[in-house]
Amino acid sequence: MAERVTVAKTTDIPLNEARAFPVGDRMIAIFNQDGEFHAMDDFCPHMGASLACGWIDKDTVTCPWHAWRFSLVDGCWLDNPKIKVDLFTVVVVGDEIQVEFNDE
């Protein structure tokens, strides 16, 4: 069953940057894209780089190691949409960023 977990304050993530936070047994990258927050699995499926350390451009994050680009909207790798990273629903309550996380 999904539960909401508070992972950060809105002021913890500067505009157009990201940070990674532990949620359960995973690392989740939270992106502040022009004031809208997105959450996805922090690890690039190619070689495990932190996507939170990548570059944000519009609705895309680029992996800092080998430039794999992922959509912040649907998690798809832009060069082959059959490969995806997990996305998580983000809810902002006051100044808290909460992520819906399935702890199973």
C-alpha atoms as a PDB file:
ATOM      1  CA  MET A   1       0.000   0.000   0.000  1.00  0.00           C
ATOM      2  CA  ALA A   2       1.302   3.470  -0.887  1.00  0.00           C
ATOM      3  CA  GLU A   3       2.062   5.935   1.848  1.00  0.00           C
ATOM      4  CA  ARG A   4       3.189   9.540   1.763  1.00  0.00           C
ATOM      5  CA  VAL A   5       6.632  10.242   3.125  1.00  0.00           C
ATOM      6  CA  THR A   6       7.908  13.758   3.792  1.00  0.00           C
ATOM      7  CA  VAL A   7      11.356  13.956   2.201  1.00  0.00           C
ATOM      8  CA  ALA A   8      12.295  17.651   2.237  1.00  0.00           C
ATOM      9  CA  LYS A   9      11.198  21.253   2.510  1.00  0.00           C
ATOM     10  CA  THR A  10      10.529  23.211  -0.664  1.00  0.00           C
ATOM     11  CA  THR A  11      13.433  25.511   0.251  1.00  0.00           C
ATOM     12  CA  ASP A  12      15.868  22.546   0.374  1.00  0.00           C
ATOM     13  CA  ILE A  13      15.942  22.237  -3.426  1.00  0.00           C
ATOM     14  CA  PRO A  14      16.946  25.362  -5.388  1.00  0.00           C
ATOM     15  CA  LEU A  15      15.083  26.260  -8.569  1.00  0.00           C
ATOM     16  CA  ASN A  16      16.069  24.008 -11.513  1.00  0.00           C
ATOM     17  CA  GLU A  17      18.188  21.732  -9.335  1.00  0.00           C
ATOM     18  CA  ALA A  18      17.669  18.358  -7.686  1.00  0.00           C
ATOM     19  CA  ARG A  19      18.598  16.531  -4.503  1.00  0.00           C
ATOM     20  CA  ALA A  20      18.513  12.840  -3.576  1.00  0.00           C
ATOM     21  CA  PHE A  21      16.835  11.551  -0.416  1.00  0.00           C
ATOM     22  CA  PRO A  22      16.505   8.081   1.114  1.00  0.00           C
ATOM     23  CA  VAL A  23      12.940   6.773   1.091  1.00  0.00           C
ATOM     24  CA  GLY A  24      12.544   3.261   2.406  1.00  0.00           C
ATOM     25  CA  ASP A  25      15.384   1.237   0.884  1.00  0.00           C
ATOM     26  CA  ARG A  26      15.736   3.497  -2.193  1.00  0.00           C
ATOM     27  CA  MET A  27      17.242   6.826  -3.119  1.00  0.00           C
ATOM     28  CA  ILE A  28      14.701   9.163  -4.703  1.00  0.00           C
ATOM     29  CA  ALA A  29      15.714  12.230  -6.729  1.00  0.00           C
ATOM     30  CA  ILE A  30      13.482  15.256  -6.231  1.00  0.00           C
ATOM     31  CA  PHE A  31      13.661  17.836  -9.029  1.00  0.00           C
ATOM     32  CA  ASN A  32      12.555  21.462  -8.730  1.00  0.00           C
ATOM     33  CA  GLN A  33      11.803  22.287 -12.347  1.00  0.00           C
ATOM     34  CA  ASP A  34      10.687  25.921 -12.542  1.00  0.00           C
ATOM     35  CA  GLY A  35       8.917  25.583  -9.188  1.00  0.00           C
ATOM     36  CA  GLU A  36       7.223  22.263  -9.989  1.00  0.00           C
ATOM     37  CA  PHE A  37       8.505  19.223  -8.116  1.00  0.00           C
ATOM     38  CA  HIS A  38       9.085  15.803  -9.720  1.00  0.00           C
ATOM     39  CA  ALA A  39      10.375  12.580  -8.153  1.00  0.00           C
ATOM     40  CA  MET A  40      12.098   9.590  -9.738  1.00  0.00           C
ATOM     41  CA  ASP A  41      14.472   6.802  -8.867  1.00  0.00           C
ATOM     42  CA  ASP A  42      17.846   8.463  -8.334  1.00  0.00           C
ATOM     43  CA  PHE A  43      19.939   5.818 -10.091  1.00  0.00           C
ATOM     44  CA  CYS A  44      20.505   5.816 -13.834  1.00  0.00           C
ATOM     45  CA  PRO A  45      19.816   2.291 -15.145  1.00  0.00           C
ATOM     46  CA  HIS A  46      22.921   2.450 -17.359  1.00  0.00           C
ATOM     47  CA  MET A  47      25.673   2.503 -14.737  1.00  0.00           C
ATOM     48  CA  GLY A  48      24.060   3.768 -11.533  1.00  0.00           C
ATOM     49  CA  ALA A  49      24.966   7.458 -11.557  1.00  0.00           C
ATOM     50  CA  SER A  50      22.875   9.773  -9.410  1.00  0.00           C
ATOM     51  CA  LEU A  51      20.297  11.502 -11.598  1.00  0.00           C
ATOM     52  CA  ALA A  52      19.977  14.200  -8.933  1.00  0.00           C
ATOM     53  CA  CYS A  53      23.486  15.269 -10.004  1.00  0.00           C
ATOM     54  CA  GLY A  54      22.363  15.600 -13.633  1.00  0.00           C
ATOM     55  CA  TRP A  55      21.364  18.629 -15.671  1.00  0.00           C
ATOM     56  CA  ILE A  56      17.753  19.747 -15.882  1.00  0.00           C
ATOM     57  CA  ASP A  57      16.505  21.231 -19.144  1.00  0.00           C
ATOM     58  CA  LYS A  58      12.767  21.701 -19.587  1.00  0.00           C
ATOM     59  CA  ASP A  59      11.157  18.318 -18.797  1.00  0.00           C
ATOM     60  CA  THR A  60      14.429  16.381 -19.063  1.00  0.00           C
ATOM     61  CA  VAL A  61      17.263  15.334 -16.765  1.00  0.00           C
ATOM     62  CA  THR A  62      20.595  14.322 -18.311  1.00  0.00           C
ATOM     63  CA  CYS A  63      22.725  11.765 -16.477  1.00  0.00           C
ATOM     64  CA  PRO A  64      26.057  13.307 -15.422  1.00  0.00           C
ATOM     65  CA  TRP A  65      28.136  10.260 -16.417  1.00  0.00           C
ATOM     66  CA  HIS A  66      27.108   9.274 -19.940  1.00  0.00           C
ATOM     67  CA  ALA A  67      24.444  11.832 -20.924  1.00  0.00           C
ATOM     68  CA  TRP A  68      21.471   9.486 -20.945  1.00  0.00           C
ATOM     69  CA  ARG A  69      18.392  11.736 -20.957  1.00  0.00           C
ATOM     70  CA  PHE A  70      15.215  10.912 -19.038  1.00  0.00           C
ATOM     71  CA  SER A  71      11.803  12.539 -19.101  1.00  0.00           C
ATOM     72  CA  LEU A  72      10.708  14.047 -15.794  1.00  0.00           C
ATOM     73  CA  VAL A  73       7.115  13.524 -16.957  1.00  0.00           C
ATOM     74  CA  ASP A  74       7.051   9.773 -17.667  1.00  0.00           C
ATOM     75  CA  GLY A  75      10.532   8.467 -16.700  1.00  0.00           C
ATOM     76  CA  CYS A  76      11.371   7.250 -20.226  1.00  0.00           C
ATOM     77  CA  TRP A  77      14.898   7.252 -21.586  1.00  0.00           C
ATOM     78  CA  LEU A  78      14.568   9.631 -24.521  1.00  0.00           C
ATOM     79  CA  ASP A  79      16.725   7.485 -26.843  1.00  0.00           C
ATOM     80  CA  ASN A  80      14.745   4.290 -26.187  1.00  0.00           C
ATOM     81  CA  PRO A  81      11.364   4.704 -24.446  1.00  0.00           C
ATOM     82  CA  LYS A  82      11.282   0.983 -23.599  1.00  0.00           C
ATOM     83  CA  ILE A  83      13.722   1.798 -20.782  1.00  0.00           C
ATOM     84  CA  LYS A  84      12.288   3.787 -17.879  1.00  0.00           C
ATOM     85  CA  VAL A  85      13.101   4.854 -14.364  1.00  0.00           C
ATOM     86  CA  ASP A  86      10.433   4.733 -11.678  1.00  0.00           C
ATOM     87  CA  LEU A  87       8.477   7.917 -11.032  1.00  0.00           C
ATOM     88  CA  PHE A  88       6.755   8.849  -7.790  1.00  0.00           C
ATOM     89  CA  THR A  89       3.814  11.145  -7.147  1.00  0.00           C
ATOM     90  CA  VAL A  90       4.830  14.372  -5.394  1.00  0.00           C
ATOM     91  CA  VAL A  91       2.486  16.320  -3.137  1.00  0.00           C
ATOM     92  CA  VAL A  92       3.471  19.667  -1.624  1.00  0.00           C
ATOM     93  CA  VAL A  93       1.781  20.341   1.707  1.00  0.00           C
ATOM     94  CA  GLY A  94       2.656  23.789   2.999  1.00  0.00           C
ATOM     95  CA  ASP A  95       6.447  23.835   2.669  1.00  0.00           C
ATOM     96  CA  GLU A  96       6.865  20.034   2.842  1.00  0.00           C
ATOM     97  CA  ILE A  97       7.611  17.870  -0.193  1.00  0.00           C
ATOM     98  CA  GLN A  98       5.926  14.501   0.202  1.00  0.00           C
ATOM     99  CA  VAL A  99       6.405  11.486  -2.051  1.00  0.00           C
ATOM    100  CA  GLU A 100       3.913   8.656  -2.444  1.00  0.00           C
ATOM    101  CA  PHE A 101       5.977   5.554  -1.884  1.00  0.00           C
ATOM    102  CA  ASN A 102       5.019   1.900  -1.989  1.00  0.00           C
ATOM    103  CA  ASP A 103       6.968   0.206   0.802  1.00  0.00           C
ATOM    104  CA  GLU A 104       6.285  -3.384  -0.283  1.00  0.00           C
END
